[in-house]
PDB file of N, CA and C in Angstrom:
ATOM      1  N   UNK A   1     112.392  97.111  78.178  1.00  0.00           N
ATOM      2  CA  UNK A   1     111.604  96.254  78.809  1.00  0.00           C
ATOM      3  C   UNK A   1     110.362  96.806  77.586  1.00  0.00           C
ATOM      4  N   UNK A   2     110.304  95.828  76.379  1.00  0.00           N
ATOM      5  CA  UNK A   2     109.121  96.380  75.297  1.00  0.00           C
ATOM      6  C   UNK A   2     107.813  96.464  75.362  1.00  0.00           C
ATOM      7  N   UNK A   3     106.704  97.692  74.880  1.00  0.00           N
ATOM      8  CA  UNK A   3     105.512  97.373  75.831  1.00  0.00           C
ATOM      9  C   UNK A   3     104.656  95.918  75.307  1.00  0.00           C
ATOM     10  N   UNK A   4     104.198  95.363  74.940  1.00  0.00           N
ATOM     11  CA  UNK A   4     103.821  93.773  74.691  1.00  0.00           C
ATOM     12  C   UNK A   4     104.414  93.120  76.331  1.00  0.00           C
ATOM     13  N   UNK A   5     105.402  92.848  76.465  1.00  0.00           N
ATOM     14  CA  UNK A   5     106.364  92.554  77.781  1.00  0.00           C
ATOM     15  C   UNK A   5     106.141  93.038  78.691  1.00  0.00           C
ATOM     16  N   UNK A   6     106.150  94.532  77.957  1.00  0.00           N
ATOM     17  CA  UNK A   6     105.056  95.431  79.547  1.00  0.00           C
ATOM     18  C   UNK A   6     103.861  95.337  80.096  1.00  0.00           C
ATOM     19  N   UNK A   7     103.267  95.536  78.853  1.00  0.00           N
ATOM     20  CA  UNK A   7     101.638  95.528  79.058  1.00  0.00           C
ATOM     21  C   UNK A   7     100.893  93.886  79.813  1.00  0.00           C
ATOM     22  N   UNK A   8     101.809  92.665  79.805  1.00  0.00           N
ATOM     23  CA  UNK A   8     101.877  91.238  80.660  1.00  0.00           C
ATOM     24  C   UNK A   8     102.510  91.411  81.354  1.00  0.00           C
ATOM     25  N   UNK A   9     103.416  91.686  81.686  1.00  0.00           N
ATOM     26  CA  UNK A   9     104.010  92.565  83.080  1.00  0.00           C
ATOM     27  C   UNK A   9     102.706  92.369  84.299  1.00  0.00           C
ATOM     28  N   UNK A  10     102.395  94.002  82.521  1.00  0.00           N
ATOM     29  CA  UNK A  10     102.375  94.892  84.372  1.00  0.00           C
ATOM     30  C   UNK A  10     100.281  93.965  84.510  1.00  0.00           C
ATOM     31  N   UNK A  11      99.645  93.523  83.523  1.00  0.00           N
ATOM     32  CA  UNK A  11      98.851  92.814  83.815  1.00  0.00           C
ATOM     33  C   UNK A  11      98.885  91.509  84.912  1.00  0.00           C
ATOM     34  N   UNK A  12      99.672  90.776  84.948  1.00  0.00           N
ATOM     35  CA  UNK A  12      99.919  89.930  85.976  1.00  0.00           C
ATOM     36  C   UNK A  12     100.568  90.271  87.528  1.00  0.00           C
ATOM     37  N   UNK A  13     100.595  91.524  87.524  1.00  0.00           N
ATOM     38  CA  UNK A  13     100.584  92.137  88.797  1.00  0.00           C
ATOM     39  C   UNK A  13      99.652  92.904  89.187  1.00  0.00           C
ATOM     40  N   UNK A  14      98.588  92.841  88.186  1.00  0.00           N
ATOM     41  CA  UNK A  14      96.933  93.877  87.954  1.00  0.00           C
ATOM     42  C   UNK A  14      97.129  92.285  88.732  1.00  0.00           C
ATOM     43  N   UNK A  15      96.338  91.252  88.229  1.00  0.00           N
ATOM     44  CA  UNK A  15      95.876  90.163  88.682  1.00  0.00           C
ATOM     45  C   UNK A  15      96.355  89.645  90.058  1.00  0.00           C
ATOM     46  N   UNK A  16      97.443  90.268  90.139  1.00  0.00           N
ATOM     47  CA  UNK A  16      97.448  89.344  91.938  1.00  0.00           C
ATOM     48  C   UNK A  16      97.523  90.449  92.625  1.00  0.00           C
ATOM     49  N   UNK A  17      97.394  92.305  92.852  1.00  0.00           N
ATOM     50  CA  UNK A  17      96.924  92.513  92.915  1.00  0.00           C
ATOM     51  C   UNK A  17      95.307  92.356  93.507  1.00  0.00           C
ATOM     52  N   UNK A  18      94.229  92.219  93.083  1.00  0.00           N
ATOM     53  CA  UNK A  18      93.418  92.250  93.009  1.00  0.00           C
ATOM     54  C   UNK A  18      92.790  90.856  93.776  1.00  0.00           C
ATOM     55  N   UNK A  19      93.573  89.973  93.518  1.00  0.00           N
ATOM     56  CA  UNK A  19      93.385  88.994  94.193  1.00  0.00           C
ATOM     57  C   UNK A  19      94.295  88.904  96.275  1.00  0.00           C
ATOM     58  N   UNK A  20      94.796  90.272  96.475  1.00  0.00           N
ATOM     59  CA  UNK A  20      95.016  90.264  97.975  1.00  0.00           C
ATOM     60  C   UNK A  20      93.725  90.585  98.511  1.00  0.00           C
ATOM     61  N   UNK A  21      93.587  88.976  99.309  1.00  0.00           N
ATOM     62  CA  UNK A  21      91.813  89.437 100.658  1.00  0.00           C
ATOM     63  C   UNK A  21      92.083  91.260 101.279  1.00  0.00           C
ATOM     64  N   UNK A  22      91.424  91.098 102.014  1.00  0.00           N
ATOM     65  CA  UNK A  22      90.984  92.783 102.781  1.00  0.00           C
ATOM     66  C   UNK A  22      91.546  92.481 104.179  1.00  0.00           C
ATOM     67  N   UNK A  23      92.789  93.184 104.491  1.00  0.00           N
ATOM     68  CA  UNK A  23      93.296  93.350 106.118  1.00  0.00           C
ATOM     69  C   UNK A  23      94.205  91.986 105.690  1.00  0.00           C
ATOM     70  N   UNK A  24      95.568  91.913 104.471  1.00  0.00           N
ATOM     71  CA  UNK A  24      96.504  91.579 104.249  1.00  0.00           C
ATOM     72  C   UNK A  24      97.022  93.003 103.118  1.00  0.00           C
ATOM     73  N   UNK A  25      98.115  92.050 103.176  1.00  0.00           N
ATOM     74  CA  UNK A  25      99.239  93.101 102.509  1.00  0.00           C
ATOM     75  C   UNK A  25     100.713  92.166 101.253  1.00  0.00           C
ATOM     76  N   UNK A  26     100.904  92.595 100.610  1.00  0.00           N
ATOM     77  CA  UNK A  26     101.803  91.993  99.727  1.00  0.00           C
ATOM     78  C   UNK A  26     102.991  93.453  99.470  1.00  0.00           C
ATOM     79  N   UNK A  27     104.085  92.843  99.747  1.00  0.00           N
ATOM     80  CA  UNK A  27     105.192  93.794  99.510  1.00  0.00           C
ATOM     81  C   UNK A  27     105.355  93.490  97.853  1.00  0.00           C
ATOM     82  N   UNK A  28     105.837  94.578  96.989  1.00  0.00           N
ATOM     83  CA  UNK A  28     106.401  94.691  95.982  1.00  0.00           C
ATOM     84  C   UNK A  28     107.503  93.617  95.317  1.00  0.00           C
ATOM     85  N   UNK A  29     108.492  93.376  96.561  1.00  0.00           N
ATOM     86  CA  UNK A  29     109.469  92.283  95.891  1.00  0.00           C
ATOM     87  C   UNK A  29     108.372  91.229  95.896  1.00  0.00           C
ATOM     88  N   UNK A  30     107.144  90.567  96.865  1.00  0.00           N
ATOM     89  CA  UNK A  30     106.685  89.136  97.471  1.00  0.00           C
ATOM     90  C   UNK A  30     105.545  89.265  94.589  1.00  0.00           C
ATOM     91  N   UNK A  31     105.019  90.453  95.045  1.00  0.00           N
ATOM     92  CA  UNK A  31     104.478  90.620  94.008  1.00  0.00           C
ATOM     93  C   UNK A  31     105.618  90.605  92.544  1.00  0.00           C
ATOM     94  N   UNK A  32     106.451  90.763  92.713  1.00  0.00           N
ATOM     95  CA  UNK A  32     107.644  90.530  91.156  1.00  0.00           C
ATOM     96  C   UNK A  32     107.792  89.086  91.402  1.00  0.00           C
ATOM     97  N   UNK A  33     107.892  88.310  92.986  1.00  0.00           N
ATOM     98  CA  UNK A  33     108.522  86.988  92.729  1.00  0.00           C
ATOM     99  C   UNK A  33     107.127  86.043  91.963  1.00  0.00           C
ATOM    100  N   UNK A  34     106.000  86.372  92.488  1.00  0.00           N
ATOM    101  CA  UNK A  34     104.991  85.552  92.797  1.00  0.00           C
ATOM    102  C   UNK A  34     104.693  85.546  91.070  1.00  0.00           C
ATOM    103  N   UNK A  35     104.822  86.655  90.463  1.00  0.00           N
ATOM    104  CA  UNK A  35     104.806  87.114  88.219  1.00  0.00           C
ATOM    105  C   UNK A  35     106.384  86.053  87.704  1.00  0.00           C
ATOM    106  N   UNK A  36     106.441  86.366  88.164  1.00  0.00           N
ATOM    107  CA  UNK A  36     108.663  84.248  88.212  1.00  0.00           C
ATOM    108  C   UNK A  36     109.639  85.609  87.004  1.00  0.00           C
ATOM    109  N   UNK A  37     109.297  87.099  88.155  1.00  0.00           N
ATOM    110  CA  UNK A  37     110.344  88.005  88.105  1.00  0.00           C
ATOM    111  C   UNK A  37     111.066  88.949  89.270  1.00  0.00           C
ATOM    112  N   UNK A  38     111.910  88.116  90.247  1.00  0.00           N
ATOM    113  CA  UNK A  38     112.123  88.291  91.394  1.00  0.00           C
ATOM    114  C   UNK A  38     112.778  89.324  91.444  1.00  0.00           C
ATOM    115  N   UNK A  39     113.390  90.313  90.052  1.00  0.00           N
ATOM    116  CA  UNK A  39     113.896  90.622  90.621  1.00  0.00           C
ATOM    117  C   UNK A  39     113.770  92.373  90.241  1.00  0.00           C
ATOM    118  N   UNK A  40     112.794  91.841  89.678  1.00  0.00           N
ATOM    119  CA  UNK A  40     111.626  93.734  89.395  1.00  0.00           C
ATOM    120  C   UNK A  40     110.531  93.993  90.287  1.00  0.00           C
ATOM    121  N   UNK A  41     110.955  94.041  90.941  1.00  0.00           N
ATOM    122  CA  UNK A  41     109.993  94.839  93.054  1.00  0.00           C
ATOM    123  C   UNK A  41     109.844  96.050  91.833  1.00  0.00           C
ATOM    124  N   UNK A  42     110.348  97.287  91.341  1.00  0.00           N
ATOM    125  CA  UNK A  42     110.277  98.749  90.837  1.00  0.00           C
ATOM    126  C   UNK A  42     110.211  98.710  89.990  1.00  0.00           C
ATOM    127  N   UNK A  43     109.868  97.970  88.910  1.00  0.00           N
ATOM    128  CA  UNK A  43     108.935  97.968  87.470  1.00  0.00           C
ATOM    129  C   UNK A  43     107.430  97.564  88.313  1.00  0.00           C
ATOM    130  N   UNK A  44     107.776  96.479  89.577  1.00  0.00           N
ATOM    131  CA  UNK A  44     105.910  96.644  89.891  1.00  0.00           C
ATOM    132  C   UNK A  44     104.823  97.979  90.789  1.00  0.00           C
ATOM    133  N   UNK A  45     106.115  98.443  91.381  1.00  0.00           N
ATOM    134  CA  UNK A  45     106.029  99.772  91.461  1.00  0.00           C
ATOM    135  C   UNK A  45     105.490 101.104  89.943  1.00  0.00           C
ATOM    136  N   UNK A  46     106.347 100.736  88.821  1.00  0.00           N
ATOM    137  CA  UNK A  46     105.494 101.200  88.021  1.00  0.00           C
ATOM    138  C   UNK A  46     104.565 100.892  88.030  1.00  0.00           C
ATOM    139  N   UNK A  47     103.854  99.855  86.998  1.00  0.00           N
ATOM    140  CA  UNK A  47     102.930  98.966  87.472  1.00  0.00           C
ATOM    141  C   UNK A  47     102.261 100.195  88.493  1.00  0.00           C
ATOM    142  N   UNK A  48     102.185  99.960  89.538  1.00  0.00           N
ATOM    143  CA  UNK A  48     100.673 100.179  90.658  1.00  0.00           C
ATOM    144  C   UNK A  48     101.052 101.483  89.739  1.00  0.00           C
ATOM    145  N   UNK A  49     101.555 102.098  89.666  1.00  0.00           N
ATOM    146  CA  UNK A  49     101.063 103.686  88.866  1.00  0.00           C
ATOM    147  C   UNK A  49     100.253 104.254  88.714  1.00  0.00           C
ATOM    148  N   UNK A  50      99.646 103.161  87.348  1.00  0.00           N
ATOM    149  CA  UNK A  50      99.217 103.423  86.500  1.00  0.00           C
ATOM    150  C   UNK A  50      98.422 102.092  86.373  1.00  0.00           C
ATOM    151  N   UNK A  51      98.215 101.967  87.330  1.00  0.00           N
ATOM    152  CA  UNK A  51      96.418 100.372  87.905  1.00  0.00           C
ATOM    153  C   UNK A  51      95.121 100.940  87.995  1.00  0.00           C
ATOM    154  N   UNK A  52      94.152 100.197  87.787  1.00  0.00           N
ATOM    155  CA  UNK A  52      93.395 100.203  86.869  1.00  0.00           C
ATOM    156  C   UNK A  52      92.645 100.823  88.503  1.00  0.00           C
ATOM    157  N   UNK A  53      91.544 101.666  87.629  1.00  0.00           N
ATOM    158  CA  UNK A  53      90.225 101.703  88.692  1.00  0.00           C
ATOM    159  C   UNK A  53      89.512 100.939  90.168  1.00  0.00           C
ATOM    160  N   UNK A  54      89.258 100.668  90.610  1.00  0.00           N
ATOM    161  CA  UNK A  54      89.020  99.052  90.999  1.00  0.00           C
ATOM    162  C   UNK A  54      90.440  98.201  92.516  1.00  0.00           C
ATOM    163  N   UNK A  55      90.783  98.333  91.191  1.00  0.00           N
ATOM    164  CA  UNK A  55      92.020  98.181  92.199  1.00  0.00           C
ATOM    165  C   UNK A  55      92.073  97.934  93.486  1.00  0.00           C
ATOM    166  N   UNK A  56      92.918  97.326  94.846  1.00  0.00           N
ATOM    167  CA  UNK A  56      93.382  97.601  95.478  1.00  0.00           C
ATOM    168  C   UNK A  56      94.081  97.771  95.495  1.00  0.00           C
ATOM    169  N   UNK A  57      95.081  98.660  95.472  1.00  0.00           N
ATOM    170  CA  UNK A  57      97.029  99.374  95.260  1.00  0.00           C
ATOM    171  C   UNK A  57      96.771  99.531  97.130  1.00  0.00           C
ATOM    172  N   UNK A  58      95.698  99.556  97.657  1.00  0.00           N
ATOM    173  CA  UNK A  58      96.439 100.179  99.502  1.00  0.00           C
ATOM    174  C   UNK A  58      97.279  98.676  99.719  1.00  0.00           C
ATOM    175  N   UNK A  59      96.851  98.144  99.062  1.00  0.00           N
ATOM    176  CA  UNK A  59      97.073  97.055  99.902  1.00  0.00           C
ATOM    177  C   UNK A  59      98.654  96.459  98.841  1.00  0.00           C
ATOM    178  N   UNK A  60      99.678  97.367  98.640  1.00  0.00           N
ATOM    179  CA  UNK A  60      99.896  96.910  98.485  1.00  0.00           C
ATOM    180  C   UNK A  60     101.523  98.283  99.163  1.00  0.00           C
ATOM    181  N   UNK A  61     102.149  97.536  99.790  1.00  0.00           N
ATOM    182  CA  UNK A  61     103.968  98.477 100.263  1.00  0.00           C
ATOM    183  C   UNK A  61     105.251  97.880 100.267  1.00  0.00           C
ATOM    184  N   UNK A  62     106.026  98.994 100.805  1.00  0.00           N
ATOM    185  CA  UNK A  62     107.249  98.481 100.130  1.00  0.00           C
ATOM    186  C   UNK A  62     107.227  96.923 101.847  1.00  0.00           C
ATOM    187  N   UNK A  63     108.713  96.616 101.167  1.00  0.00           N
ATOM    188  CA  UNK A  63     109.448  95.863 102.183  1.00  0.00           C
ATOM    189  C   UNK A  63     109.385  96.735 104.159  1.00  0.00           C
ATOM    190  N   UNK A  64     109.014  95.603 104.542  1.00  0.00           N
ATOM    191  CA  UNK A  64     109.537  95.604 106.035  1.00  0.00           C
ATOM    192  C   UNK A  64     107.601  96.323 106.385  1.00  0.00           C
ATOM    193  N   UNK A  65     106.996  96.708 105.357  1.00  0.00           N
ATOM    194  CA  UNK A  65     105.732  97.412 105.744  1.00  0.00           C
ATOM    195  C   UNK A  65     105.043  98.555 105.198  1.00  0.00           C
ATOM    196  N   UNK A  66     106.342  99.176 105.060  1.00  0.00           N
ATOM    197  CA  UNK A  66     106.608 100.316 104.774  1.00  0.00           C
ATOM    198  C   UNK A  66     106.132 101.361 103.762  1.00  0.00           C
ATOM    199  N   UNK A  67     104.804 102.133 104.467  1.00  0.00           N
ATOM    200  CA  UNK A  67     103.544 103.159 103.064  1.00  0.00           C
ATOM    201  C   UNK A  67     104.783 103.841 101.833  1.00  0.00           C
ATOM    202  N   UNK A  68     104.273 103.092 100.472  1.00  0.00           N
ATOM    203  CA  UNK A  68     105.422 104.405  99.495  1.00  0.00           C
ATOM    204  C   UNK A  68     105.125 104.698  98.818  1.00  0.00           C
ATOM    205  N   UNK A  69     103.687 105.127  98.719  1.00  0.00           N
ATOM    206  CA  UNK A  69     102.763 106.126  97.771  1.00  0.00           C
ATOM    207  C   UNK A  69     102.891 107.009  98.308  1.00  0.00           C
ATOM    208  N   UNK A  70     103.766 107.821  97.038  1.00  0.00           N
ATOM    209  CA  UNK A  70     104.224 109.514  96.660  1.00  0.00           C
ATOM    210  C   UNK A  70     103.703 109.713  95.734  1.00  0.00           C
ATOM    211  N   UNK A  71     103.284 109.383  94.860  1.00  0.00           N
ATOM    212  CA  UNK A  71     103.040 109.791  94.073  1.00  0.00           C
ATOM    213  C   UNK A  71     101.687 110.484  93.858  1.00  0.00           C
ATOM    214  N   UNK A  72     101.284 112.010  93.286  1.00  0.00           N
ATOM    215  CA  UNK A  72      99.833 112.400  93.344  1.00  0.00           C
ATOM    216  C   UNK A  72      98.679 111.058  92.314  1.00  0.00           C
ATOM    217  N   UNK A  73      98.851 110.462  91.883  1.00  0.00           N
ATOM    218  CA  UNK A  73      97.712 109.926  91.587  1.00  0.00           C
ATOM    219  C   UNK A  73      98.115 107.884  92.419  1.00  0.00           C
ATOM    220  N   UNK A  74      97.049 108.013  93.914  1.00  0.00           N
ATOM    221  CA  UNK A  74      95.953 108.927  93.640  1.00  0.00           C
ATOM    222  C   UNK A  74      96.211 109.130  94.835  1.00  0.00           C
ATOM    223  N   UNK A  75      95.632 110.742  94.515  1.00  0.00           N
ATOM    224  CA  UNK A  75      95.485 111.731  95.770  1.00  0.00           C
ATOM    225  C   UNK A  75      95.484 111.593  97.209  1.00  0.00           C
ATOM    226  N   UNK A  76      96.328 112.068  98.038  1.00  0.00           N
ATOM    227  CA  UNK A  76      96.265 111.448  99.065  1.00  0.00           C
ATOM    228  C   UNK A  76      97.603 110.812  99.544  1.00  0.00           C
ATOM    229  N   UNK A  77      97.759 110.538  98.945  1.00  0.00           N
ATOM    230  CA  UNK A  77      98.534 109.260  98.549  1.00  0.00           C
ATOM    231  C   UNK A  77      99.523 107.928  99.739  1.00  0.00           C
ATOM    232  N   UNK A  78     100.453 107.975 100.669  1.00  0.00           N
ATOM    233  CA  UNK A  78     100.229 107.200 102.155  1.00  0.00           C
ATOM    234  C   UNK A  78      99.530 107.622 103.617  1.00  0.00           C
ATOM    235  N   UNK A  79      99.262 109.043 103.621  1.00  0.00           N
ATOM    236  CA  UNK A  79      97.267 108.614 104.176  1.00  0.00           C
ATOM    237  C   UNK A  79      96.646 108.341 103.793  1.00  0.00           C
ATOM    238  N   UNK A  80      96.380 108.683 102.275  1.00  0.00           N
ATOM    239  CA  UNK A  80      94.921 107.636 101.804  1.00  0.00           C
ATOM    240  C   UNK A  80      95.555 106.396 102.596  1.00  0.00           C
ATOM    241  N   UNK A  81      96.599 105.418 101.724  1.00  0.00           N
ATOM    242  CA  UNK A  81      96.260 103.872 101.733  1.00  0.00           C
ATOM    243  C   UNK A  81      96.650 103.591 103.356  1.00  0.00           C
ATOM    244  N   UNK A  82      97.487 104.189 104.223  1.00  0.00           N
ATOM    245  CA  UNK A  82      97.101 103.428 105.534  1.00  0.00           C
ATOM    246  C   UNK A  82      95.316 103.620 106.115  1.00  0.00           C
ATOM    247  N   UNK A  83      95.141 104.680 106.045  1.00  0.00           N
ATOM    248  CA  UNK A  83      93.316 104.832 105.988  1.00  0.00           C
ATOM    249  C   UNK A  83      92.350 103.622 106.095  1.00  0.00           C
ATOM    250  N   UNK A  84      92.676 103.709 104.353  1.00  0.00           N
ATOM    251  CA  UNK A  84      92.268 102.789 102.970  1.00  0.00           C
ATOM    252  C   UNK A  84      92.681 101.012 104.042  1.00  0.00           C
ATOM    253  N   UNK A  85      94.226 100.835 104.820  1.00  0.00           N
ATOM    254  CA  UNK A  85      93.693  99.885 105.387  1.00  0.00           C
ATOM    255  C   UNK A  85      93.824  99.241 106.831  1.00  0.00           C
ATOM    256  N   UNK A  86      93.510 100.534 107.365  1.00  0.00           N
ATOM    257  CA  UNK A  86      93.489 100.802 108.775  1.00  0.00           C
ATOM    258  C   UNK A  86      91.819 100.282 108.449  1.00  0.00           C
ATOM    259  N   UNK A  87      90.684 100.847 108.035  1.00  0.00           N
ATOM    260  CA  UNK A  87      89.414 100.781 107.308  1.00  0.00           C
ATOM    261  C   UNK A  87      88.932  98.833 106.925  1.00  0.00           C
ATOM    262  N   UNK A  88      90.091  98.702 106.522  1.00  0.00           N
ATOM    263  CA  UNK A  88      90.725  97.056 106.580  1.00  0.00           C
ATOM    264  C   UNK A  88      90.511  96.289 107.854  1.00  0.00           C
ATOM    265  N   UNK A  89      91.069  97.137 109.386  1.00  0.00           N
ATOM    266  CA  UNK A  89      91.556  96.098 109.905  1.00  0.00           C
ATOM    267  C   UNK A  89      92.347  96.328 110.654  1.00  0.00           C
ATOM    268  N   UNK A  90      93.157  96.145 109.564  1.00  0.00           N
ATOM    269  CA  UNK A  90      95.556  96.395 108.901  1.00  0.00           C
ATOM    270  C   UNK A  90      95.999  96.986 110.459  1.00  0.00           C
ATOM    271  N   UNK A  91      96.231  96.993 111.647  1.00  0.00           N
ATOM    272  CA  UNK A  91      97.929  97.719 112.638  1.00  0.00           C
ATOM    273  C   UNK A  91      99.408  97.868 112.012  1.00  0.00           C
ATOM    274  N   UNK A  92      99.090  98.527 112.205  1.00  0.00           N
ATOM    275  CA  UNK A  92     100.800  99.654 112.386  1.00  0.00           C
ATOM    276  C   UNK A  92     101.871  99.327 113.623  1.00  0.00           C
ATOM    277  N   UNK A  93     102.862  99.358 113.105  1.00  0.00           N
ATOM    278  CA  UNK A  93     103.697  99.478 114.027  1.00  0.00           C
ATOM    279  C   UNK A  93     104.361 100.811 113.236  1.00  0.00           C
ATOM    280  N   UNK A  94     104.314 101.701 114.771  1.00  0.00           N
ATOM    281  CA  UNK A  94     104.792 103.294 114.378  1.00  0.00           C
ATOM    282  C   UNK A  94     104.220 103.501 112.983  1.00  0.00           C
ATOM    283  N   UNK A  95     105.212 103.603 112.075  1.00  0.00           N
ATOM    284  CA  UNK A  95     105.020 104.277 110.972  1.00  0.00           C
ATOM    285  C   UNK A  95     104.857 102.627 109.705  1.00  0.00           C
ATOM    286  N   UNK A  96     104.774 101.511 110.233  1.00  0.00           N
ATOM    287  CA  UNK A  96     104.990 100.340 109.236  1.00  0.00           C
ATOM    288  C   UNK A  96     103.888  99.858 109.517  1.00  0.00           C
ATOM    289  N   UNK A  97     103.014  98.720 108.446  1.00  0.00           N
ATOM    290  CA  UNK A  97     101.965  98.274 108.552  1.00  0.00           C
ATOM    291  C   UNK A  97     102.795  96.630 109.370  1.00  0.00           C
ATOM    292  N   UNK A  98     101.513  96.278 110.358  1.00  0.00           N
ATOM    293  CA  UNK A  98     102.674  95.317 111.034  1.00  0.00           C
ATOM    294  C   UNK A  98     102.355  93.876 110.656  1.00  0.00           C
ATOM    295  N   UNK A  99     103.089  94.107 109.423  1.00  0.00           N
ATOM    296  CA  UNK A  99     103.658  92.565 108.584  1.00  0.00           C
ATOM    297  C   UNK A  99     103.587  91.527 109.544  1.00  0.00           C
ATOM    298  N   UNK A 100     103.933  91.349 111.331  1.00  0.00           N
ATOM    299  CA  UNK A 100     103.046  90.097 111.758  1.00  0.00           C
ATOM    300  C   UNK A 100     102.035  89.207 111.619  1.00  0.00           C
ATOM    301  N   UNK A 101     101.386  90.604 111.339  1.00  0.00           N
ATOM    302  CA  UNK A 101      99.727  90.076 111.430  1.00  0.00           C
ATOM    303  C   UNK A 101      99.039  90.065 110.119  1.00  0.00           C
ATOM    304  N   UNK A 102      99.477  91.017 109.283  1.00  0.00           N
ATOM    305  CA  UNK A 102      99.153  91.680 107.723  1.00  0.00           C
ATOM    306  C   UNK A 102      99.842  91.275 107.011  1.00  0.00           C
ATOM    307  N   UNK A 103     100.748  90.453 106.877  1.00  0.00           N
ATOM    308  CA  UNK A 103     101.158  90.111 105.525  1.00  0.00           C
ATOM    309  C   UNK A 103     100.575  88.744 104.413  1.00  0.00           C
ATOM    310  N   UNK A 104     100.681  88.890 103.428  1.00  0.00           N
ATOM    311  CA  UNK A 104      99.755  87.825 102.488  1.00  0.00           C
ATOM    312  C   UNK A 104     100.634  86.610 102.757  1.00  0.00           C
ATOM    313  N   UNK A 105     100.302  85.351 102.858  1.00  0.00           N
ATOM    314  CA  UNK A 105     100.952  84.313 102.368  1.00  0.00           C
ATOM    315  C   UNK A 105     100.121  84.033 101.221  1.00  0.00           C
ATOM    316  N   UNK A 106     100.826  84.325  99.824  1.00  0.00           N
ATOM    317  CA  UNK A 106      99.724  82.909  99.416  1.00  0.00           C
ATOM    318  C   UNK A 106      99.784  81.913  99.669  1.00  0.00           C
ATOM    319  N   UNK A 107      98.796  81.047  99.375  1.00  0.00           N
ATOM    320  CA  UNK A 107      99.037  79.330  99.069  1.00  0.00           C
ATOM    321  C   UNK A 107      99.243  78.660  97.676  1.00  0.00           C
ATOM    322  N   UNK A 108     100.094  78.148  97.935  1.00  0.00           N
ATOM    323  CA  UNK A 108     100.306  77.119  96.746  1.00  0.00           C
ATOM    324  C   UNK A 108      99.612  76.649  95.765  1.00  0.00           C
ATOM    325  N   UNK A 109      99.907  76.583  94.244  1.00  0.00           N
ATOM    326  CA  UNK A 109      98.335  77.578  92.655  1.00  0.00           C
ATOM    327  C   UNK A 109      98.117  78.812  93.326  1.00  0.00           C
ATOM    328  N   UNK A 110      98.505  79.990  94.073  1.00  0.00           N
ATOM    329  CA  UNK A 110      97.813  80.934  93.975  1.00  0.00           C
ATOM    330  C   UNK A 110      96.782  81.395  93.222  1.00  0.00           C
ATOM    331  N   UNK A 111      97.821  81.295  92.049  1.00  0.00           N
ATOM    332  CA  UNK A 111      97.264  82.152  90.728  1.00  0.00           C
ATOM    333  C   UNK A 111      96.936  81.221  89.523  1.00  0.00           C
ATOM    334  N   UNK A 112      96.808  80.041  90.005  1.00  0.00           N
ATOM    335  CA  UNK A 112      96.040  79.136  88.767  1.00  0.00           C
ATOM    336  C   UNK A 112      95.147  79.126  89.637  1.00  0.00           C
ATOM    337  N   UNK A 113      93.840  79.487  87.672  1.00  0.00           N
ATOM    338  CA  UNK A 113      93.043  79.784  87.338  1.00  0.00           C
ATOM    339  C   UNK A 113      92.437  80.745  88.403  1.00  0.00           C
ATOM    340  N   UNK A 114      92.685  81.713  88.123  1.00  0.00           N
ATOM    341  CA  UNK A 114      93.031  83.320  88.308  1.00  0.00           C
ATOM    342  C   UNK A 114      93.145  84.303  87.184  1.00  0.00           C
ATOM    343  N   UNK A 115      92.306  84.287  87.023  1.00  0.00           N
ATOM    344  CA  UNK A 115      92.029  85.359  85.389  1.00  0.00           C
ATOM    345  C   UNK A 115      92.060  86.620  85.864  1.00  0.00           C
TER     346      UNK A 115
END
């Protein structure tokens, strides 16, 4: 992916992530689909590796509610992600987010008029 396309894609990903409500989560695949690139879930992961401060990164999970944060940035990775989600009231079924309760289903037109 060339740099300008990559920057545009990352910006779209951050726009979606910034709009996830508290106590809700989206998967990497859902985010990819929302930005019009349903086969680029891994690139969403790359975008999340360098997400801006203040973005609710902890609301992005793997398929089936798996916590996938393994990088040193942010410090604490999956443990910190789980703690932040639990503080918002997110329930877990074992090691996974209870997706039946907490998966965010964006309404039609979700991204329109969001900058």
